[in-house]
N, C-alpha and C. Protein backbone atom coordinates (compact mmCIF):
# COMPACT_ATOMS: atom_id res chain seq x y z
N UNK A 1 1.31 -1.30 -0.08
CA UNK A 1 0.03 0.48 0.11
C UNK A 1 1.13 1.03 -0.07
N UNK A 2 0.61 2.30 -0.69
CA UNK A 2 1.26 3.20 -1.05
C UNK A 2 1.00 4.51 0.42
N UNK A 3 2.01 5.52 0.61
CA UNK A 3 1.90 6.44 1.51
C UNK A 3 0.69 6.79 1.33
N UNK A 4 0.22 7.54 0.27
CA UNK A 4 -0.37 8.38 0.24
C UNK A 4 -1.98 7.68 0.68
N UNK A 5 -2.12 6.14 -0.03
CA UNK A 5 -3.13 5.30 0.18
C UNK A 5 -3.79 5.22 2.26
N UNK A 6 -2.49 5.13 2.38
CA UNK A 6 -2.81 5.21 4.03
C UNK A 6 -2.98 6.51 4.87
N UNK A 7 -2.31 7.51 4.19
CA UNK A 7 -3.10 8.90 4.83
C UNK A 7 -3.90 8.86 4.66
N UNK A 8 -4.86 8.41 3.28
CA UNK A 8 -6.24 9.07 2.87
C UNK A 8 -7.07 8.05 4.13
N UNK A 9 -6.26 6.83 4.17
CA UNK A 9 -7.17 6.00 5.23
C UNK A 9 -7.20 6.60 6.72
N UNK A 10 -6.24 7.06 7.15
CA UNK A 10 -6.10 8.07 8.46
C UNK A 10 -7.04 9.06 8.54
N UNK A 11 -6.87 9.87 7.36
CA UNK A 11 -7.76 10.99 7.66
C UNK A 11 -9.28 10.87 7.42
N UNK A 12 -9.60 9.85 6.83
CA UNK A 12 -10.71 9.18 6.63
C UNK A 12 -11.37 8.42 8.34
N UNK A 13 -10.36 8.02 8.56
CA UNK A 13 -10.90 7.71 10.32
C UNK A 13 -10.99 8.77 11.30
N UNK A 14 -9.98 9.64 10.81
CA UNK A 14 -10.52 10.63 11.91
C UNK A 14 -11.56 11.45 11.54
N UNK A 15 -11.96 11.69 10.09
CA UNK A 15 -13.20 12.42 9.88
C UNK A 15 -14.33 11.23 10.59
N UNK A 16 -14.14 10.24 10.62
CA UNK A 16 -15.25 9.17 11.10
C UNK A 16 -15.23 9.62 13.03
N UNK A 17 -14.27 9.38 13.51
CA UNK A 17 -14.32 9.54 14.81
C UNK A 17 -14.73 11.23 15.15
N UNK A 18 -14.09 12.24 14.65
CA UNK A 18 -14.88 13.38 14.74
C UNK A 18 -16.52 13.83 14.93
N UNK A 19 -16.93 13.04 13.52
CA UNK A 19 -18.24 12.88 13.70
C UNK A 19 -19.34 12.38 14.75
N UNK A 20 -18.44 11.58 14.94
CA UNK A 20 -18.93 10.14 16.37
C UNK A 20 -18.80 11.50 17.46
N UNK A 21 -17.47 12.12 17.68
CA UNK A 21 -17.44 12.86 19.01
C UNK A 21 -18.79 13.65 18.82
N UNK A 22 -19.21 14.78 17.69
CA UNK A 22 -19.62 15.89 17.68
C UNK A 22 -21.73 15.20 17.28
N UNK A 23 -21.70 14.02 16.99
CA UNK A 23 -23.16 13.58 16.38
C UNK A 23 -24.19 13.56 17.63
N UNK A 24 -23.74 13.47 18.83
CA UNK A 24 -24.34 13.79 20.08
C UNK A 24 -24.97 15.18 20.29
N UNK A 25 -24.04 15.69 20.28
CA UNK A 25 -24.21 17.49 20.68
C UNK A 25 -25.43 17.68 19.48
N UNK A 26 -25.10 17.34 18.20
CA UNK A 26 -25.45 17.98 17.04
C UNK A 26 -26.87 17.61 16.75
N UNK A 27 -27.12 15.89 16.90
CA UNK A 27 -28.45 15.71 16.86
C UNK A 27 -29.89 16.09 17.06
N UNK A 28 -30.87 15.85 16.65
CA UNK A 28 -32.06 16.30 17.15
C UNK A 28 -32.57 15.61 17.94
N UNK A 29 -33.23 16.19 18.83
CA UNK A 29 -33.89 15.36 20.01
C UNK A 29 -35.44 14.86 19.49
N UNK A 30 -35.85 15.58 18.53
CA UNK A 30 -37.13 15.05 17.56
C UNK A 30 -36.53 13.84 16.43
N UNK A 31 -37.50 12.44 17.06
CA UNK A 31 -37.38 11.76 15.83
C UNK A 31 -37.82 12.06 15.00
N UNK A 32 -37.31 11.20 13.81
CA UNK A 32 -37.27 11.36 12.55
C UNK A 32 -37.23 9.89 11.74
N UNK A 33 -37.42 9.68 10.57
CA UNK A 33 -37.12 8.71 9.75
C UNK A 33 -38.06 7.32 10.23
N UNK A 34 -36.89 6.27 10.81
CA UNK A 34 -37.63 4.65 11.33
C UNK A 34 -37.92 5.55 12.65
N UNK A 35 -37.73 5.92 13.52
CA UNK A 35 -38.53 5.67 14.80
C UNK A 35 -39.85 6.61 14.91
N UNK A 36 -39.52 7.88 14.07
CA UNK A 36 -41.21 8.49 14.07
C UNK A 36 -41.92 7.62 13.26
N UNK A 37 -41.48 6.76 11.95
CA UNK A 37 -42.79 5.64 11.74
C UNK A 37 -42.81 4.99 12.46
N UNK A 38 -42.05 4.10 13.66
CA UNK A 38 -42.51 3.42 14.71
C UNK A 38 -43.55 3.97 15.91
N UNK A 39 -43.14 5.20 15.80
CA UNK A 39 -44.12 6.09 16.98
C UNK A 39 -45.76 6.04 16.44
N UNK A 40 -45.47 6.80 14.87
CA UNK A 40 -46.97 6.73 14.11
C UNK A 40 -47.68 5.69 14.06
N UNK A 41 -47.08 3.97 14.03
CA UNK A 41 -47.48 2.67 13.74
C UNK A 41 -47.80 2.71 15.60
N UNK A 42 -47.63 2.95 16.08
CA UNK A 42 -48.27 2.87 17.83
C UNK A 42 -47.63 1.74 18.83
N UNK A 43 -46.53 1.76 17.84
CA UNK A 43 -45.17 0.55 18.76
C UNK A 43 -44.75 1.23 19.76
N UNK A 44 -44.51 0.88 21.35
CA UNK A 44 -44.29 1.82 22.52
C UNK A 44 -42.48 1.62 22.13
N UNK A 45 -42.02 2.44 22.84
CA UNK A 45 -40.58 2.89 22.78
C UNK A 45 -39.69 1.64 23.34
N UNK A 46 -40.85 0.96 24.21
CA UNK A 46 -40.26 -0.15 25.11
C UNK A 46 -40.05 -1.54 24.37
N UNK A 47 -40.87 -1.35 23.51
CA UNK A 47 -40.96 -2.36 22.60
C UNK A 47 -39.64 -3.20 21.91
N UNK A 48 -39.54 -4.36 21.90
CA UNK A 48 -38.13 -5.15 21.69
C UNK A 48 -38.89 -6.38 20.90
N UNK A 49 -37.52 -6.54 19.57
CA UNK A 49 -37.87 -7.48 18.99
C UNK A 49 -37.47 -9.14 19.70
N UNK A 50 -36.81 -9.48 20.48
CA UNK A 50 -36.62 -10.17 20.97
C UNK A 50 -37.43 -11.03 21.72
N UNK A 51 -39.04 -10.35 22.19
CA UNK A 51 -39.79 -10.88 22.53
C UNK A 51 -40.97 -11.38 21.78
N UNK A 52 -40.69 -10.89 20.44
CA UNK A 52 -41.12 -11.77 19.24
C UNK A 52 -40.96 -13.12 18.72
N UNK A 53 -39.46 -12.96 18.86
CA UNK A 53 -38.78 -13.74 17.84
C UNK A 53 -37.77 -14.28 18.38
N UNK A 54 -37.06 -14.41 19.65
CA UNK A 54 -35.83 -14.61 20.56
C UNK A 54 -34.93 -14.10 19.98
N UNK A 55 -34.61 -12.92 19.45
CA UNK A 55 -33.47 -12.44 19.07
C UNK A 55 -32.75 -11.58 19.78
N UNK A 56 -31.41 -11.26 20.56
CA UNK A 56 -31.30 -11.01 21.41
C UNK A 56 -31.28 -9.92 21.36
N UNK A 57 -30.92 -8.70 22.04
CA UNK A 57 -31.34 -7.23 21.59
C UNK A 57 -29.90 -6.20 21.67
N UNK A 58 -29.97 -5.79 20.76
CA UNK A 58 -28.85 -4.91 20.34
C UNK A 58 -27.91 -4.94 21.24
N UNK A 59 -26.34 -4.65 20.65
CA UNK A 59 -25.18 -4.57 21.75
C UNK A 59 -25.26 -2.62 22.16
N UNK A 60 -25.48 -1.85 21.15
CA UNK A 60 -25.33 -0.93 21.86
C UNK A 60 -26.95 -0.25 21.29
N UNK A 61 -28.00 -0.38 22.28
CA UNK A 61 -29.21 0.35 21.82
C UNK A 61 -29.51 1.38 21.44
N UNK A 62 -30.09 2.09 20.35
CA UNK A 62 -30.14 3.66 20.17
C UNK A 62 -28.28 4.29 20.55
N UNK A 63 -27.27 3.15 20.21
CA UNK A 63 -26.46 4.04 20.27
C UNK A 63 -25.72 4.56 21.45
N UNK A 64 -26.23 4.12 22.78
CA UNK A 64 -25.92 3.87 23.69
C UNK A 64 -25.60 3.03 24.64
N UNK A 65 -25.16 3.27 25.87
CA UNK A 65 -24.94 1.95 26.74
C UNK A 65 -26.04 1.85 27.73
N UNK A 66 -26.58 0.19 27.84
CA UNK A 66 -28.36 0.37 28.62
C UNK A 66 -28.14 1.14 29.99
N UNK A 67 -26.82 0.94 30.74
CA UNK A 67 -27.01 1.34 32.21
C UNK A 67 -27.44 3.07 32.30
N UNK A 68 -26.65 3.93 30.98
CA UNK A 68 -27.17 5.21 31.37
C UNK A 68 -27.29 5.88 29.86
N UNK A 69 -28.65 5.24 29.46
CA UNK A 69 -28.35 5.73 27.76
C UNK A 69 -28.81 7.26 27.50
N UNK A 70 -28.80 8.05 28.41
CA UNK A 70 -28.77 9.39 28.40
C UNK A 70 -27.69 10.46 28.59
N UNK A 71 -26.28 9.35 28.77
CA UNK A 71 -25.17 9.82 28.82
C UNK A 71 -24.44 10.79 27.42
N UNK A 72 -24.44 11.60 27.37
CA UNK A 72 -23.37 11.77 26.12
C UNK A 72 -21.73 11.59 25.65
N UNK A 73 -21.32 11.02 26.98
CA UNK A 73 -19.46 10.92 26.49
C UNK A 73 -20.10 9.02 26.70
N UNK A 74 -21.20 8.74 27.14
CA UNK A 74 -21.51 7.11 26.54
C UNK A 74 -21.79 6.81 25.07
N UNK A 75 -22.82 7.72 25.02
CA UNK A 75 -22.78 7.68 23.56
C UNK A 75 -21.95 7.90 22.61
N UNK A 76 -20.72 8.70 22.98
CA UNK A 76 -19.92 8.95 22.19
C UNK A 76 -18.28 7.31 21.55
N UNK A 77 -18.61 7.14 23.00
CA UNK A 77 -18.36 5.29 23.52
C UNK A 77 -18.68 4.64 22.12
N UNK A 78 -19.90 4.56 22.37
CA UNK A 78 -20.59 3.33 21.35
C UNK A 78 -20.33 3.79 19.82
N UNK A 79 -20.52 4.93 20.01
CA UNK A 79 -20.85 5.70 18.55
C UNK A 79 -18.82 5.28 17.96
N UNK A 80 -17.64 5.61 18.53
CA UNK A 80 -16.48 5.46 18.08
C UNK A 80 -16.38 3.84 17.86
N UNK A 81 -16.89 2.78 18.96
CA UNK A 81 -16.87 1.49 19.11
C UNK A 81 -17.87 0.90 17.75
N UNK A 82 -18.52 1.57 17.41
CA UNK A 82 -19.52 1.24 16.33
C UNK A 82 -18.59 1.49 15.00
N UNK A 83 -17.96 2.74 14.82
CA UNK A 83 -17.34 3.02 13.93
C UNK A 83 -16.21 2.03 13.54
N UNK A 84 -15.23 1.94 14.43
CA UNK A 84 -13.77 0.99 14.53
C UNK A 84 -14.35 -0.35 13.92
N UNK A 85 -15.69 -0.53 14.73
CA UNK A 85 -15.89 -2.70 14.20
C UNK A 85 -16.34 -2.27 12.46
N UNK A 86 -16.86 -1.69 12.48
CA UNK A 86 -17.43 -1.39 10.84
C UNK A 86 -16.60 -1.37 9.72
N UNK A 87 -15.41 -0.54 10.65
CA UNK A 87 -14.03 -0.47 9.66
C UNK A 87 -13.18 -1.67 9.78
N UNK A 88 -13.18 -2.47 10.74
CA UNK A 88 -12.33 -3.34 10.89
C UNK A 88 -13.13 -4.53 9.99
N UNK A 89 -14.54 -4.66 9.84
CA UNK A 89 -14.71 -5.55 9.03
C UNK A 89 -14.73 -5.53 7.41
N UNK A 90 -14.87 -4.01 7.33
CA UNK A 90 -14.61 -3.87 5.97
C UNK A 90 -13.45 -3.54 5.82
N UNK A 91 -12.50 -3.55 6.25
CA UNK A 91 -11.11 -4.05 6.12
C UNK A 91 -10.76 -5.52 5.97
N UNK A 92 -11.44 -5.91 6.53
CA UNK A 92 -11.33 -7.78 6.78
C UNK A 92 -11.92 -8.25 5.55
N UNK A 93 -12.93 -7.73 4.91
CA UNK A 93 -13.91 -8.21 3.45
C UNK A 93 -13.20 -7.98 2.58
N UNK A 94 -12.57 -6.87 2.55
CA UNK A 94 -11.79 -6.23 1.33
C UNK A 94 -10.68 -7.43 1.31
N UNK A 95 -9.78 -7.31 2.63
CA UNK A 95 -8.64 -8.23 2.31
C UNK A 95 -8.71 -9.63 1.73
N UNK A 96 -9.56 -10.21 2.42
CA UNK A 96 -10.32 -11.55 1.69
C UNK A 96 -10.75 -11.37 0.41
N UNK A 97 -11.92 -10.61 -0.06
CA UNK A 97 -11.99 -10.58 -1.41
C UNK A 97 -10.59 -10.38 -2.18
N UNK A 98 -9.52 -9.52 -1.84
CA UNK A 98 -8.32 -9.43 -2.81
C UNK A 98 -7.78 -10.38 -2.77
N UNK A 99 -7.77 -11.64 -1.78
CA UNK A 99 -6.68 -13.03 -2.22
C UNK A 99 -7.70 -13.41 -2.80
């Protein structure tokens, strides 16, 4: 891998982390999209899919830790972990496909 490719990857990761850090502070408190559709259809906020199908709950529901879902620093940690896991999986798949 060339030096400029490595630098591009590093800059992209830094941008992802900056977005993760800023997201809890600039995100709207009003639900939209999928969450708004769920509310409009009458699904309760505490509704969980595992009650129906036996599927386990998400590791970070609503991008937060279950112990303190309103803590913005914990939301940032959950977002950063999600980004890093996604990047590692993406690089892993790319590496396997390249071989």
